[in-house]
């Protein structure tokens, strides 16, 4: 397992959301999306995972799995 400091990403997401921006994060696999969901959730970032084929909405933080 690789441990990384998520602080800079969390700070950037909070700033973007405070500025009214939607945030979409693409992960290259479902397992990475799941891990990132857990890491960000533990740091107070509310986010949702997009359903396959769904276009991310204009609000909030959305994780998408890319190919």
N, C-alpha and C. Protein backbone atom coordinates (compact mmCIF):
# COMPACT_ATOMS: atom_id res chain seq x y z
N UNK A 1 0.85 -1.18 0.00
CA UNK A 1 0.00 0.00 0.00
C UNK A 1 0.89 1.24 0.00
N UNK A 2 0.53 2.20 -0.82
CA UNK A 2 1.26 3.46 -0.88
C UNK A 2 0.49 4.50 -0.07
N UNK A 3 1.18 5.11 0.88
CA UNK A 3 0.56 6.17 1.68
C UNK A 3 0.97 7.51 1.11
N UNK A 4 0.02 8.36 0.87
CA UNK A 4 0.29 9.67 0.30
C UNK A 4 -0.40 10.73 1.16
N UNK A 5 0.16 11.91 1.16
CA UNK A 5 -0.46 13.02 1.88
C UNK A 5 -1.58 13.58 1.00
N UNK A 6 -2.80 13.39 1.44
CA UNK A 6 -3.96 13.86 0.68
C UNK A 6 -4.29 15.32 0.96
N UNK A 7 -3.55 15.94 1.87
CA UNK A 7 -3.83 17.32 2.26
C UNK A 7 -3.94 18.31 1.11
N UNK A 8 -2.98 18.33 0.18
CA UNK A 8 -3.07 19.28 -0.94
C UNK A 8 -4.31 19.05 -1.81
N UNK A 9 -4.66 17.80 -2.06
CA UNK A 9 -5.85 17.51 -2.86
C UNK A 9 -7.11 17.94 -2.13
N UNK A 10 -7.19 17.64 -0.84
CA UNK A 10 -8.35 18.04 -0.03
C UNK A 10 -8.49 19.56 -0.02
N UNK A 11 -7.39 20.27 0.17
CA UNK A 11 -7.43 21.74 0.18
C UNK A 11 -7.90 22.28 -1.16
N UNK A 12 -7.41 21.70 -2.26
CA UNK A 12 -7.81 22.15 -3.59
C UNK A 12 -9.30 21.90 -3.82
N UNK A 13 -9.78 20.72 -3.44
CA UNK A 13 -11.20 20.42 -3.63
C UNK A 13 -12.06 21.38 -2.82
N UNK A 14 -11.68 21.65 -1.58
CA UNK A 14 -12.46 22.57 -0.74
C UNK A 14 -12.49 23.97 -1.36
N UNK A 15 -11.36 24.41 -1.92
CA UNK A 15 -11.32 25.73 -2.54
C UNK A 15 -12.20 25.76 -3.79
N UNK A 16 -12.09 24.74 -4.63
CA UNK A 16 -12.90 24.70 -5.85
C UNK A 16 -14.38 24.69 -5.51
N UNK A 17 -14.77 23.91 -4.50
CA UNK A 17 -16.18 23.85 -4.11
C UNK A 17 -16.63 25.19 -3.53
N UNK A 18 -15.78 25.84 -2.75
CA UNK A 18 -16.11 27.16 -2.20
C UNK A 18 -16.29 28.19 -3.32
N UNK A 19 -15.57 28.00 -4.41
CA UNK A 19 -15.69 28.88 -5.57
C UNK A 19 -16.90 28.51 -6.45
N UNK A 20 -17.64 27.49 -6.05
CA UNK A 20 -18.84 27.09 -6.78
C UNK A 20 -18.61 26.14 -7.94
N UNK A 21 -17.43 25.56 -8.00
CA UNK A 21 -17.11 24.65 -9.10
C UNK A 21 -17.51 23.22 -8.79
N UNK A 22 -17.94 22.51 -9.81
CA UNK A 22 -18.12 21.06 -9.69
C UNK A 22 -16.75 20.42 -9.87
N UNK A 23 -16.51 19.33 -9.19
CA UNK A 23 -15.22 18.65 -9.26
C UNK A 23 -15.46 17.22 -9.73
N UNK A 24 -14.75 16.81 -10.76
CA UNK A 24 -14.83 15.44 -11.27
C UNK A 24 -13.43 14.86 -11.23
N UNK A 25 -13.30 13.70 -10.60
CA UNK A 25 -12.00 13.03 -10.50
C UNK A 25 -12.12 11.70 -11.22
N UNK A 26 -11.26 11.48 -12.20
CA UNK A 26 -11.25 10.22 -12.94
C UNK A 26 -10.18 9.29 -12.37
N UNK A 27 -10.57 8.05 -12.15
CA UNK A 27 -9.66 7.02 -11.68
C UNK A 27 -9.57 5.94 -12.74
N UNK A 28 -8.41 5.30 -12.85
CA UNK A 28 -8.24 4.31 -13.91
C UNK A 28 -8.78 2.93 -13.56
N UNK A 29 -9.28 2.74 -12.35
CA UNK A 29 -9.88 1.45 -12.00
C UNK A 29 -10.87 1.65 -10.86
N UNK A 30 -11.76 0.69 -10.72
CA UNK A 30 -12.75 0.76 -9.64
C UNK A 30 -12.08 0.68 -8.28
N UNK A 31 -11.04 -0.13 -8.15
CA UNK A 31 -10.36 -0.25 -6.85
C UNK A 31 -9.71 1.07 -6.45
N UNK A 32 -9.14 1.79 -7.39
CA UNK A 32 -8.55 3.09 -7.06
C UNK A 32 -9.63 4.11 -6.72
N UNK A 33 -10.74 4.06 -7.43
CA UNK A 33 -11.85 4.96 -7.11
C UNK A 33 -12.37 4.67 -5.70
N UNK A 34 -12.48 3.39 -5.35
CA UNK A 34 -12.94 3.02 -4.01
C UNK A 34 -11.98 3.53 -2.94
N UNK A 35 -10.68 3.37 -3.17
CA UNK A 35 -9.69 3.84 -2.20
C UNK A 35 -9.75 5.36 -2.05
N UNK A 36 -9.82 6.06 -3.17
CA UNK A 36 -9.87 7.53 -3.11
C UNK A 36 -11.15 7.99 -2.43
N UNK A 37 -12.25 7.31 -2.69
CA UNK A 37 -13.53 7.63 -2.03
C UNK A 37 -13.35 7.53 -0.51
N UNK A 38 -12.70 6.48 -0.05
CA UNK A 38 -12.46 6.31 1.38
C UNK A 38 -11.55 7.38 1.97
N UNK A 39 -10.46 7.66 1.26
CA UNK A 39 -9.49 8.65 1.73
C UNK A 39 -10.14 10.03 1.84
N UNK A 40 -10.85 10.44 0.80
CA UNK A 40 -11.47 11.77 0.81
C UNK A 40 -12.64 11.83 1.79
N UNK A 41 -13.41 10.77 1.87
CA UNK A 41 -14.52 10.72 2.82
C UNK A 41 -14.06 10.87 4.26
N UNK A 42 -12.93 10.23 4.59
CA UNK A 42 -12.38 10.34 5.95
C UNK A 42 -11.90 11.74 6.25
N UNK A 43 -11.69 12.53 5.23
CA UNK A 43 -11.21 13.91 5.42
C UNK A 43 -12.31 14.94 5.23
N UNK A 44 -13.55 14.45 5.26
CA UNK A 44 -14.69 15.37 5.25
C UNK A 44 -15.16 15.82 3.89
N UNK A 45 -14.67 15.22 2.82
CA UNK A 45 -15.12 15.57 1.48
C UNK A 45 -16.32 14.69 1.13
N UNK A 46 -17.46 15.33 0.88
CA UNK A 46 -18.64 14.57 0.45
C UNK A 46 -18.54 14.36 -1.05
N UNK A 47 -18.61 13.10 -1.46
CA UNK A 47 -18.50 12.81 -2.87
C UNK A 47 -19.36 11.61 -3.21
N UNK A 48 -19.57 11.46 -4.50
CA UNK A 48 -20.37 10.34 -4.97
C UNK A 48 -19.65 9.69 -6.15
N UNK A 49 -19.96 8.43 -6.36
CA UNK A 49 -19.40 7.72 -7.51
C UNK A 49 -20.43 7.73 -8.63
N UNK A 50 -19.99 8.08 -9.81
CA UNK A 50 -20.89 8.08 -10.96
C UNK A 50 -21.17 6.65 -11.39
N UNK A 51 -22.37 6.41 -11.85
CA UNK A 51 -22.74 5.12 -12.41
C UNK A 51 -22.14 5.03 -13.81
N UNK A 52 -21.76 3.82 -14.22
CA UNK A 52 -21.15 3.63 -15.54
C UNK A 52 -21.99 4.29 -16.64
N UNK A 53 -21.35 5.10 -17.46
CA UNK A 53 -22.02 5.76 -18.57
C UNK A 53 -22.70 7.07 -18.21
N UNK A 54 -22.74 7.40 -16.94
CA UNK A 54 -23.40 8.63 -16.48
C UNK A 54 -22.48 9.83 -16.69
N UNK A 55 -23.07 10.93 -17.09
CA UNK A 55 -22.32 12.18 -17.16
C UNK A 55 -22.34 12.81 -15.78
N UNK A 56 -21.19 13.21 -15.27
CA UNK A 56 -21.17 13.84 -13.95
C UNK A 56 -22.04 15.09 -13.92
N UNK A 57 -22.69 15.32 -12.80
CA UNK A 57 -23.54 16.49 -12.63
C UNK A 57 -22.75 17.76 -12.44
N UNK A 58 -23.46 18.85 -12.33
CA UNK A 58 -22.82 20.15 -12.19
C UNK A 58 -22.55 20.51 -10.73
N UNK A 59 -22.96 19.66 -9.80
CA UNK A 59 -22.78 19.98 -8.39
C UNK A 59 -21.95 18.92 -7.69
N UNK A 60 -21.24 19.35 -6.68
CA UNK A 60 -20.53 18.40 -5.82
C UNK A 60 -19.24 17.87 -6.40
N UNK A 61 -18.82 16.77 -5.76
CA UNK A 61 -17.59 16.09 -6.15
C UNK A 61 -17.99 14.70 -6.63
N UNK A 62 -17.57 14.35 -7.83
CA UNK A 62 -17.95 13.07 -8.42
C UNK A 62 -16.70 12.30 -8.81
N UNK A 63 -16.67 11.00 -8.50
CA UNK A 63 -15.62 10.11 -8.95
C UNK A 63 -16.13 9.33 -10.15
N UNK A 64 -15.33 9.24 -11.18
CA UNK A 64 -15.68 8.42 -12.34
C UNK A 64 -14.55 7.45 -12.61
N UNK A 65 -14.92 6.27 -13.09
CA UNK A 65 -13.91 5.30 -13.46
C UNK A 65 -13.66 5.42 -14.96
N UNK A 66 -12.41 5.66 -15.32
CA UNK A 66 -12.05 5.78 -16.72
C UNK A 66 -11.46 4.48 -17.23
N UNK A 67 -11.25 4.43 -18.51
CA UNK A 67 -10.67 3.20 -19.10
C UNK A 67 -9.41 3.54 -19.84
